C-alpha atoms as a PDB file:
ATOM      1  CA  MET A   1      22.129 -79.322 -25.612  1.00  0.00           C
ATOM      2  CA  TYR A   2      22.099 -76.752 -28.393  1.00  0.00           C
ATOM      3  CA  THR A   3      19.720 -73.935 -29.248  1.00  0.00           C
ATOM      4  CA  ILE A   4      19.030 -73.147 -32.891  1.00  0.00           C
ATOM      5  CA  THR A   5      17.952 -69.662 -33.948  1.00  0.00           C
ATOM      6  CA  LYS A   6      17.675 -68.005 -37.347  1.00  0.00           C
ATOM      7  CA  ASN A   7      21.440 -67.743 -37.985  1.00  0.00           C
ATOM      8  CA  LYS A   8      23.092 -69.280 -34.919  1.00  0.00           C
ATOM      9  CA  ILE A   9      23.488 -72.559 -33.054  1.00  0.00           C
ATOM     10  CA  THR A  10      24.792 -72.229 -29.507  1.00  0.00           C
ATOM     11  CA  ASN A  11      25.224 -74.192 -26.295  1.00  0.00           C
ATOM     12  CA  GLU A  12      23.513 -73.305 -23.009  1.00  0.00           C
ATOM     13  CA  ASP A  13      26.075 -70.777 -21.740  1.00  0.00           C
ATOM     14  CA  GLN A  14      26.868 -69.477 -25.248  1.00  0.00           C
ATOM     15  CA  SER A  15      30.566 -70.293 -24.851  1.00  0.00           C
ATOM     16  CA  VAL A  16      30.358 -72.321 -28.071  1.00  0.00           C
ATOM     17  CA  TYR A  17      28.500 -71.170 -31.162  1.00  0.00           C
ATOM     18  CA  LEU A  18      28.201 -71.539 -34.906  1.00  0.00           C
ATOM     19  CA  LEU A  19      27.016 -68.769 -37.215  1.00  0.00           C
ATOM     20  CA  TYR A  20      25.405 -69.749 -40.501  1.00  0.00           C
ATOM     21  CA  THR A  21      23.574 -68.317 -43.491  1.00  0.00           C
ATOM     22  CA  LYS A  22      20.900 -70.176 -45.453  1.00  0.00           C
ATOM     23  CA  LYS A  23      20.898 -69.628 -49.208  1.00  0.00           C
ATOM     24  CA  GLY A  24      18.256 -71.750 -50.870  1.00  0.00           C
ATOM     25  CA  LYS A  25      19.086 -75.378 -50.055  1.00  0.00           C
ATOM     26  CA  LYS A  26      22.625 -74.491 -48.989  1.00  0.00           C
ATOM     27  CA  VAL A  27      23.865 -73.562 -45.537  1.00  0.00           C
ATOM     28  CA  GLU A  28      27.076 -71.583 -45.327  1.00  0.00           C
ATOM     29  CA  ILE A  29      28.907 -71.996 -42.032  1.00  0.00           C
ATOM     30  CA  ASP A  30      30.422 -68.574 -41.467  1.00  0.00           C
ATOM     31  CA  LYS A  31      32.053 -69.030 -38.067  1.00  0.00           C
ATOM     32  CA  VAL A  32      32.620 -71.640 -35.374  1.00  0.00           C
ATOM     33  CA  TYR A  33      33.653 -70.213 -32.002  1.00  0.00           C
ATOM     34  CA  VAL A  34      34.733 -71.779 -28.712  1.00  0.00           C
ATOM     35  CA  SER A  35      35.585 -69.530 -25.769  1.00  0.00           C
ATOM     36  CA  GLU A  36      39.185 -69.699 -24.593  1.00  0.00           C
ATOM     37  CA  GLU A  37      38.390 -71.479 -21.330  1.00  0.00           C
ATOM     38  CA  LYS A  38      36.474 -74.240 -23.162  1.00  0.00           C
ATOM     39  CA  ARG A  39      39.034 -74.958 -25.903  1.00  0.00           C
ATOM     40  CA  GLY A  40      40.678 -78.356 -26.216  1.00  0.00           C
ATOM     41  CA  GLN A  41      37.516 -80.284 -25.297  1.00  0.00           C
ATOM     42  CA  HIS A  42      36.417 -81.126 -28.879  1.00  0.00           C
ATOM     43  CA  LEU A  43      33.404 -78.817 -28.502  1.00  0.00           C
ATOM     44  CA  ALA A  44      33.804 -77.267 -31.961  1.00  0.00           C
ATOM     45  CA  SER A  45      33.808 -80.717 -33.531  1.00  0.00           C
ATOM     46  CA  ASP A  46      30.761 -81.750 -31.485  1.00  0.00           C
ATOM     47  CA  LEU A  47      28.933 -78.613 -32.608  1.00  0.00           C
ATOM     48  CA  MET A  48      29.858 -79.228 -36.247  1.00  0.00           C
ATOM     49  CA  GLU A  49      28.612 -82.816 -35.976  1.00  0.00           C
ATOM     50  CA  PHE A  50      25.313 -81.569 -34.552  1.00  0.00           C
ATOM     51  CA  ALA A  51      24.940 -78.962 -37.327  1.00  0.00           C
ATOM     52  CA  TYR A  52      25.873 -81.499 -39.988  1.00  0.00           C
ATOM     53  CA  GLU A  53      23.283 -84.010 -38.826  1.00  0.00           C
ATOM     54  CA  TYR A  54      20.627 -81.333 -38.334  1.00  0.00           C
ATOM     55  CA  PHE A  55      21.000 -79.707 -41.756  1.00  0.00           C
ATOM     56  CA  THR A  56      21.724 -82.773 -43.870  1.00  0.00           C
ATOM     57  CA  HIS A  57      18.666 -84.466 -42.376  1.00  0.00           C
ATOM     58  CA  GLN A  58      16.678 -81.554 -43.853  1.00  0.00           C
ATOM     59  CA  LYS A  59      18.455 -82.046 -47.226  1.00  0.00           C
ATOM     60  CA  TYR A  60      20.662 -78.937 -47.018  1.00  0.00           C
ATOM     61  CA  GLU A  61      24.149 -78.870 -48.489  1.00  0.00           C
ATOM     62  CA  LEU A  62      26.736 -77.498 -46.052  1.00  0.00           C
ATOM     63  CA  ILE A  63      29.494 -75.168 -47.192  1.00  0.00           C
ATOM     64  CA  GLY A  64      32.357 -74.223 -44.907  1.00  0.00           C
ATOM     65  CA  ILE A  65      33.119 -70.525 -45.221  1.00  0.00           C
ATOM     66  CA  CYS A  66      35.389 -70.325 -42.181  1.00  0.00           C
ATOM     67  CA  SER A  67      38.571 -72.378 -42.336  1.00  0.00           C
ATOM     68  CA  TYR A  68      37.604 -74.664 -39.432  1.00  0.00           C
ATOM     69  CA  ALA A  69      34.212 -75.567 -40.905  1.00  0.00           C
ATOM     70  CA  ASN A  70      35.716 -76.087 -44.345  1.00  0.00           C
ATOM     71  CA  ALA A  71      38.418 -78.449 -43.025  1.00  0.00           C
ATOM     72  CA  TRP A  72      35.897 -80.305 -40.839  1.00  0.00           C
ATOM     73  CA  LEU A  73      33.515 -80.838 -43.762  1.00  0.00           C
ATOM     74  CA  ILE A  74      36.305 -82.061 -46.045  1.00  0.00           C
ATOM     75  CA  LYS A  75      37.336 -84.600 -43.407  1.00  0.00           C
ATOM     76  CA  LYS A  76      33.743 -85.672 -42.671  1.00  0.00           C
ATOM     77  CA  GLU A  77      32.667 -86.044 -46.274  1.00  0.00           C
ATOM     78  CA  GLY A  78      35.890 -87.844 -47.153  1.00  0.00           C
ATOM     79  CA  ASN A  79      34.980 -90.468 -44.546  1.00  0.00           C
ATOM     80  CA  LYS A  80      31.490 -91.258 -45.861  1.00  0.00           C
END
């Protein structure tokens, strides 16, 4: 379960979050963070998938500003 606020998507205990900026019909993903104790569980990828589905459903274009988001989007959009 994720919570969406003005510039952040986070899980219940806030150990995983994504920071974003809306610019018109574009969403820039500035940072994807997973706390050290939660790493290696594919949580960043799950969060990116959630954000991707959420924003593209609303007709936003996603842009990866941080290196993780950029690489994830390249892989995802290459597999369409």
